[in-house]
Amino acid sequence: MVRAFITYIRPLLENCTSIWSFYSVTMVKRVESVQRAFTKKLPDMNSLTYRERSSVLRLESLELRCLKADLIMCFKILKGFTNTDPSEFLRRQHAILEVIV
């Protein structure tokens, strides 16, 4: 069941996260609730906390996975692996990368 979730459900939840990105705690909780509910329905998992279930099933939180996807997209933009001009979206200031909103 976990393999099916990883293959069919998680890609839908993570689709284009670099574009729409989590902008509120409520949105993070809504997306994360899908994985939370799924893991709770698995046999012998309903008595464990979400962190324990995630650890046992070796699942990262969706919030962490989306953060990684954002960092990968920033790397691709900066290194020229996309057709996006880095100066349109990113600027360097005191060796810290800031996203222009």
N, C-alpha and C. Protein backbone atom coordinates (compact mmCIF):
# COMPACT_ATOMS: atom_id res chain seq x y z
N MET A 1 0.81 -1.20 0.00
CA MET A 1 0.00 0.00 0.00
C MET A 1 0.86 1.27 0.00
N VAL A 2 1.97 1.23 0.73
CA VAL A 2 2.83 2.41 0.78
C VAL A 2 3.42 2.69 -0.59
N ARG A 3 3.82 1.65 -1.27
CA ARG A 3 4.38 1.82 -2.62
C ARG A 3 3.34 2.43 -3.56
N ALA A 4 2.09 2.01 -3.44
CA ALA A 4 1.01 2.58 -4.25
C ALA A 4 0.82 4.06 -3.92
N PHE A 5 0.87 4.41 -2.64
CA PHE A 5 0.74 5.81 -2.24
C PHE A 5 1.88 6.64 -2.83
N ILE A 6 3.10 6.13 -2.72
CA ILE A 6 4.26 6.85 -3.23
C ILE A 6 4.18 7.01 -4.75
N THR A 7 3.67 5.99 -5.43
CA THR A 7 3.61 5.99 -6.88
C THR A 7 2.46 6.82 -7.44
N TYR A 8 1.28 6.72 -6.82
CA TYR A 8 0.09 7.32 -7.43
C TYR A 8 -0.43 8.57 -6.72
N ILE A 9 -0.34 8.66 -5.43
CA ILE A 9 -0.93 9.77 -4.69
C ILE A 9 0.07 10.91 -4.46
N ARG A 10 1.25 10.57 -3.96
CA ARG A 10 2.22 11.61 -3.62
C ARG A 10 2.59 12.50 -4.81
N PRO A 11 2.75 11.98 -6.01
CA PRO A 11 3.04 12.88 -7.15
C PRO A 11 1.93 13.90 -7.39
N LEU A 12 0.70 13.53 -7.13
CA LEU A 12 -0.40 14.48 -7.30
C LEU A 12 -0.32 15.59 -6.26
N LEU A 13 0.07 15.24 -5.05
CA LEU A 13 0.19 16.23 -3.98
C LEU A 13 1.37 17.16 -4.19
N GLU A 14 2.42 16.65 -4.83
CA GLU A 14 3.64 17.43 -5.01
C GLU A 14 3.72 18.11 -6.37
N ASN A 15 2.72 17.93 -7.20
CA ASN A 15 2.74 18.44 -8.56
C ASN A 15 2.89 19.96 -8.57
N CYS A 16 3.91 20.46 -9.23
CA CYS A 16 4.17 21.89 -9.43
C CYS A 16 4.31 22.67 -8.13
N THR A 17 4.82 22.06 -7.09
CA THR A 17 4.96 22.77 -5.81
C THR A 17 5.93 23.94 -5.90
N SER A 18 6.85 23.90 -6.85
CA SER A 18 7.77 25.03 -7.01
C SER A 18 7.04 26.26 -7.52
N ILE A 19 5.91 26.05 -8.16
CA ILE A 19 5.15 27.18 -8.69
C ILE A 19 4.14 27.70 -7.67
N TRP A 20 3.36 26.79 -7.09
CA TRP A 20 2.32 27.26 -6.15
C TRP A 20 2.79 27.27 -4.72
N SER A 21 3.82 26.59 -4.37
CA SER A 21 4.46 26.59 -3.06
C SER A 21 3.53 26.86 -1.88
N PHE A 22 3.85 26.26 -0.76
CA PHE A 22 3.06 26.46 0.45
C PHE A 22 3.23 27.89 0.94
N TYR A 23 2.18 28.60 1.09
CA TYR A 23 2.29 29.98 1.55
C TYR A 23 1.63 30.20 2.90
N SER A 24 0.99 29.17 3.45
CA SER A 24 0.38 29.32 4.77
C SER A 24 0.45 28.00 5.53
N VAL A 25 0.38 28.10 6.83
CA VAL A 25 0.40 26.91 7.69
C VAL A 25 -0.82 26.04 7.39
N THR A 26 -1.95 26.67 7.12
CA THR A 26 -3.17 25.94 6.81
C THR A 26 -2.99 25.07 5.58
N MET A 27 -2.35 25.61 4.56
CA MET A 27 -2.14 24.85 3.33
C MET A 27 -1.20 23.66 3.59
N VAL A 28 -0.17 23.86 4.37
CA VAL A 28 0.75 22.78 4.72
C VAL A 28 -0.01 21.67 5.43
N LYS A 29 -0.84 22.05 6.39
CA LYS A 29 -1.60 21.05 7.16
C LYS A 29 -2.58 20.29 6.27
N ARG A 30 -3.20 20.98 5.32
CA ARG A 30 -4.15 20.31 4.42
C ARG A 30 -3.46 19.25 3.56
N VAL A 31 -2.35 19.62 2.97
CA VAL A 31 -1.64 18.68 2.11
C VAL A 31 -1.07 17.54 2.95
N GLU A 32 -0.49 17.87 4.08
CA GLU A 32 0.10 16.85 4.95
C GLU A 32 -0.97 15.92 5.51
N SER A 33 -2.20 16.40 5.66
CA SER A 33 -3.28 15.58 6.22
C SER A 33 -3.60 14.37 5.34
N VAL A 34 -3.33 14.47 4.05
CA VAL A 34 -3.57 13.34 3.15
C VAL A 34 -2.65 12.19 3.53
N GLN A 35 -1.36 12.48 3.68
CA GLN A 35 -0.40 11.44 4.06
C GLN A 35 -0.67 10.95 5.48
N ARG A 36 -1.03 11.88 6.36
CA ARG A 36 -1.32 11.53 7.74
C ARG A 36 -2.50 10.54 7.81
N ALA A 37 -3.56 10.83 7.06
CA ALA A 37 -4.75 9.96 7.05
C ALA A 37 -4.43 8.60 6.43
N PHE A 38 -3.65 8.63 5.35
CA PHE A 38 -3.29 7.36 4.70
C PHE A 38 -2.51 6.46 5.65
N THR A 39 -1.50 7.00 6.30
CA THR A 39 -0.66 6.16 7.17
C THR A 39 -1.44 5.65 8.37
N LYS A 40 -2.43 6.41 8.80
CA LYS A 40 -3.22 5.99 9.97
C LYS A 40 -4.12 4.81 9.65
N LYS A 41 -4.50 4.66 8.39
CA LYS A 41 -5.40 3.58 7.98
C LYS A 41 -4.68 2.26 7.73
N LEU A 42 -3.37 2.28 7.74
CA LEU A 42 -2.61 1.04 7.52
C LEU A 42 -2.71 0.15 8.75
N PRO A 43 -2.67 -1.17 8.55
CA PRO A 43 -2.76 -2.10 9.69
C PRO A 43 -1.64 -1.85 10.71
N ASP A 44 -1.98 -1.92 11.96
CA ASP A 44 -1.05 -1.78 13.08
C ASP A 44 -0.39 -0.41 13.18
N MET A 45 -0.93 0.59 12.50
CA MET A 45 -0.31 1.92 12.51
C MET A 45 -1.16 2.95 13.25
N ASN A 46 -2.43 2.66 13.50
CA ASN A 46 -3.31 3.68 14.06
C ASN A 46 -2.98 4.05 15.50
N SER A 47 -2.23 3.23 16.20
CA SER A 47 -1.87 3.55 17.59
C SER A 47 -0.59 4.38 17.68
N LEU A 48 0.13 4.52 16.58
CA LEU A 48 1.38 5.28 16.56
C LEU A 48 1.12 6.75 16.20
N THR A 49 2.03 7.61 16.61
CA THR A 49 1.93 9.01 16.22
C THR A 49 2.34 9.13 14.75
N TYR A 50 2.03 10.28 14.17
CA TYR A 50 2.36 10.50 12.75
C TYR A 50 3.87 10.39 12.52
N ARG A 51 4.66 10.97 13.40
CA ARG A 51 6.13 10.88 13.26
C ARG A 51 6.60 9.44 13.33
N GLU A 52 6.04 8.67 14.26
CA GLU A 52 6.43 7.26 14.39
C GLU A 52 6.04 6.48 13.15
N ARG A 53 4.82 6.74 12.65
CA ARG A 53 4.38 6.06 11.42
C ARG A 53 5.29 6.41 10.25
N SER A 54 5.62 7.68 10.12
CA SER A 54 6.50 8.12 9.03
C SER A 54 7.87 7.47 9.14
N SER A 55 8.37 7.36 10.34
CA SER A 55 9.67 6.75 10.56
C SER A 55 9.65 5.26 10.21
N VAL A 56 8.63 4.57 10.68
CA VAL A 56 8.51 3.13 10.41
C VAL A 56 8.37 2.88 8.91
N LEU A 57 7.58 3.72 8.23
CA LEU A 57 7.33 3.53 6.80
C LEU A 57 8.38 4.20 5.91
N ARG A 58 9.31 4.90 6.56
CA ARG A 58 10.38 5.62 5.85
C ARG A 58 9.81 6.64 4.86
N LEU A 59 8.84 7.42 5.33
CA LEU A 59 8.23 8.47 4.52
C LEU A 59 8.66 9.83 5.07
N GLU A 60 9.10 10.70 4.18
CA GLU A 60 9.40 12.07 4.58
C GLU A 60 8.09 12.86 4.59
N SER A 61 8.06 13.91 5.37
CA SER A 61 6.87 14.75 5.35
C SER A 61 6.77 15.41 3.98
N LEU A 62 5.55 15.69 3.57
CA LEU A 62 5.36 16.33 2.28
C LEU A 62 5.91 17.75 2.28
N GLU A 63 5.88 18.40 3.42
CA GLU A 63 6.44 19.74 3.55
C GLU A 63 7.94 19.71 3.26
N LEU A 64 8.65 18.73 3.81
CA LEU A 64 10.08 18.60 3.58
C LEU A 64 10.37 18.28 2.12
N ARG A 65 9.59 17.41 1.54
CA ARG A 65 9.79 17.05 0.13
C ARG A 65 9.58 18.27 -0.78
N CYS A 66 8.59 19.09 -0.46
CA CYS A 66 8.34 20.29 -1.26
C CYS A 66 9.45 21.32 -1.08
N LEU A 67 9.99 21.42 0.11
CA LEU A 67 11.12 22.31 0.34
C LEU A 67 12.32 21.86 -0.50
N LYS A 68 12.57 20.57 -0.53
CA LYS A 68 13.66 20.04 -1.35
C LYS A 68 13.43 20.34 -2.83
N ALA A 69 12.19 20.20 -3.28
CA ALA A 69 11.86 20.49 -4.68
C ALA A 69 12.11 21.96 -5.00
N ASP A 70 11.77 22.85 -4.07
CA ASP A 70 12.02 24.28 -4.26
C ASP A 70 13.52 24.56 -4.37
N LEU A 71 14.30 23.94 -3.51
CA LEU A 71 15.76 24.14 -3.56
C LEU A 71 16.36 23.61 -4.85
N ILE A 72 15.86 22.48 -5.31
CA ILE A 72 16.34 21.91 -6.58
C ILE A 72 16.00 22.85 -7.73
N MET A 73 14.78 23.41 -7.71
CA MET A 73 14.38 24.34 -8.77
C MET A 73 15.25 25.59 -8.74
N CYS A 74 15.56 26.12 -7.57
CA CYS A 74 16.45 27.28 -7.46
C CYS A 74 17.83 26.96 -8.03
N PHE A 75 18.35 25.78 -7.73
CA PHE A 75 19.64 25.35 -8.26
C PHE A 75 19.59 25.30 -9.79
N LYS A 76 18.52 24.72 -10.34
CA LYS A 76 18.40 24.62 -11.79
C LYS A 76 18.34 25.99 -12.45
N ILE A 77 17.61 26.92 -11.83
CA ILE A 77 17.51 28.27 -12.38
C ILE A 77 18.87 28.96 -12.35
N LEU A 78 19.57 28.85 -11.22
CA LEU A 78 20.87 29.52 -11.08
C LEU A 78 21.93 28.94 -12.01
N LYS A 79 21.89 27.64 -12.24
CA LYS A 79 22.89 26.98 -13.09
C LYS A 79 22.53 26.97 -14.57
N GLY A 80 21.36 27.54 -14.91
CA GLY A 80 20.98 27.65 -16.31
C GLY A 80 20.41 26.38 -16.91
N PHE A 81 19.88 25.50 -16.09
CA PHE A 81 19.27 24.27 -16.60
C PHE A 81 17.82 24.47 -17.02
N THR A 82 17.32 25.69 -16.89
CA THR A 82 15.95 26.01 -17.31
C THR A 82 16.01 27.18 -18.28
N ASN A 83 14.91 27.46 -18.94
CA ASN A 83 14.85 28.59 -19.85
C ASN A 83 14.42 29.86 -19.11
N THR A 84 14.71 29.94 -17.84
CA THR A 84 14.32 31.06 -17.00
C THR A 84 15.53 31.93 -16.71
N ASP A 85 15.36 33.21 -16.85
CA ASP A 85 16.43 34.14 -16.54
C ASP A 85 16.47 34.33 -15.03
N PRO A 86 17.59 33.96 -14.39
CA PRO A 86 17.67 34.06 -12.92
C PRO A 86 17.42 35.47 -12.39
N SER A 87 17.79 36.48 -13.16
CA SER A 87 17.61 37.84 -12.67
C SER A 87 16.14 38.24 -12.57
N GLU A 88 15.26 37.53 -13.25
CA GLU A 88 13.83 37.82 -13.17
C GLU A 88 13.22 37.35 -11.85
N PHE A 89 13.80 36.32 -11.25
CA PHE A 89 13.20 35.72 -10.07
C PHE A 89 14.05 35.81 -8.81
N LEU A 90 15.36 35.86 -8.98
CA LEU A 90 16.25 35.80 -7.82
C LEU A 90 17.22 36.95 -7.84
N ARG A 91 17.63 37.39 -6.67
CA ARG A 91 18.69 38.38 -6.58
C ARG A 91 19.59 38.01 -5.41
N ARG A 92 20.86 38.30 -5.54
CA ARG A 92 21.82 38.02 -4.46
C ARG A 92 21.97 39.28 -3.62
N GLN A 93 21.97 39.08 -2.31
CA GLN A 93 22.17 40.20 -1.41
C GLN A 93 22.92 39.70 -0.19
N HIS A 94 24.13 40.16 -0.03
CA HIS A 94 24.97 39.76 1.11
C HIS A 94 25.12 38.24 1.19
N ALA A 95 25.33 37.61 0.07
CA ALA A 95 25.56 36.16 -0.02
C ALA A 95 24.35 35.33 0.42
N ILE A 96 23.18 35.96 0.49
CA ILE A 96 21.95 35.24 0.81
C ILE A 96 21.02 35.38 -0.40
N LEU A 97 20.44 34.29 -0.80
CA LEU A 97 19.52 34.30 -1.92
C LEU A 97 18.14 34.72 -1.47
N GLU A 98 17.55 35.68 -2.12
CA GLU A 98 16.20 36.11 -1.79
C GLU A 98 15.32 35.91 -3.00
N VAL A 99 14.13 35.44 -2.78
CA VAL A 99 13.16 35.27 -3.85
C VAL A 99 12.35 36.55 -3.94
N ILE A 100 12.27 37.09 -5.12
CA ILE A 100 11.49 38.31 -5.32
C ILE A 100 10.03 37.92 -5.45
N VAL A 101 9.22 38.49 -4.59
CA VAL A 101 7.79 38.16 -4.59
C VAL A 101 7.03 39.34 -5.15
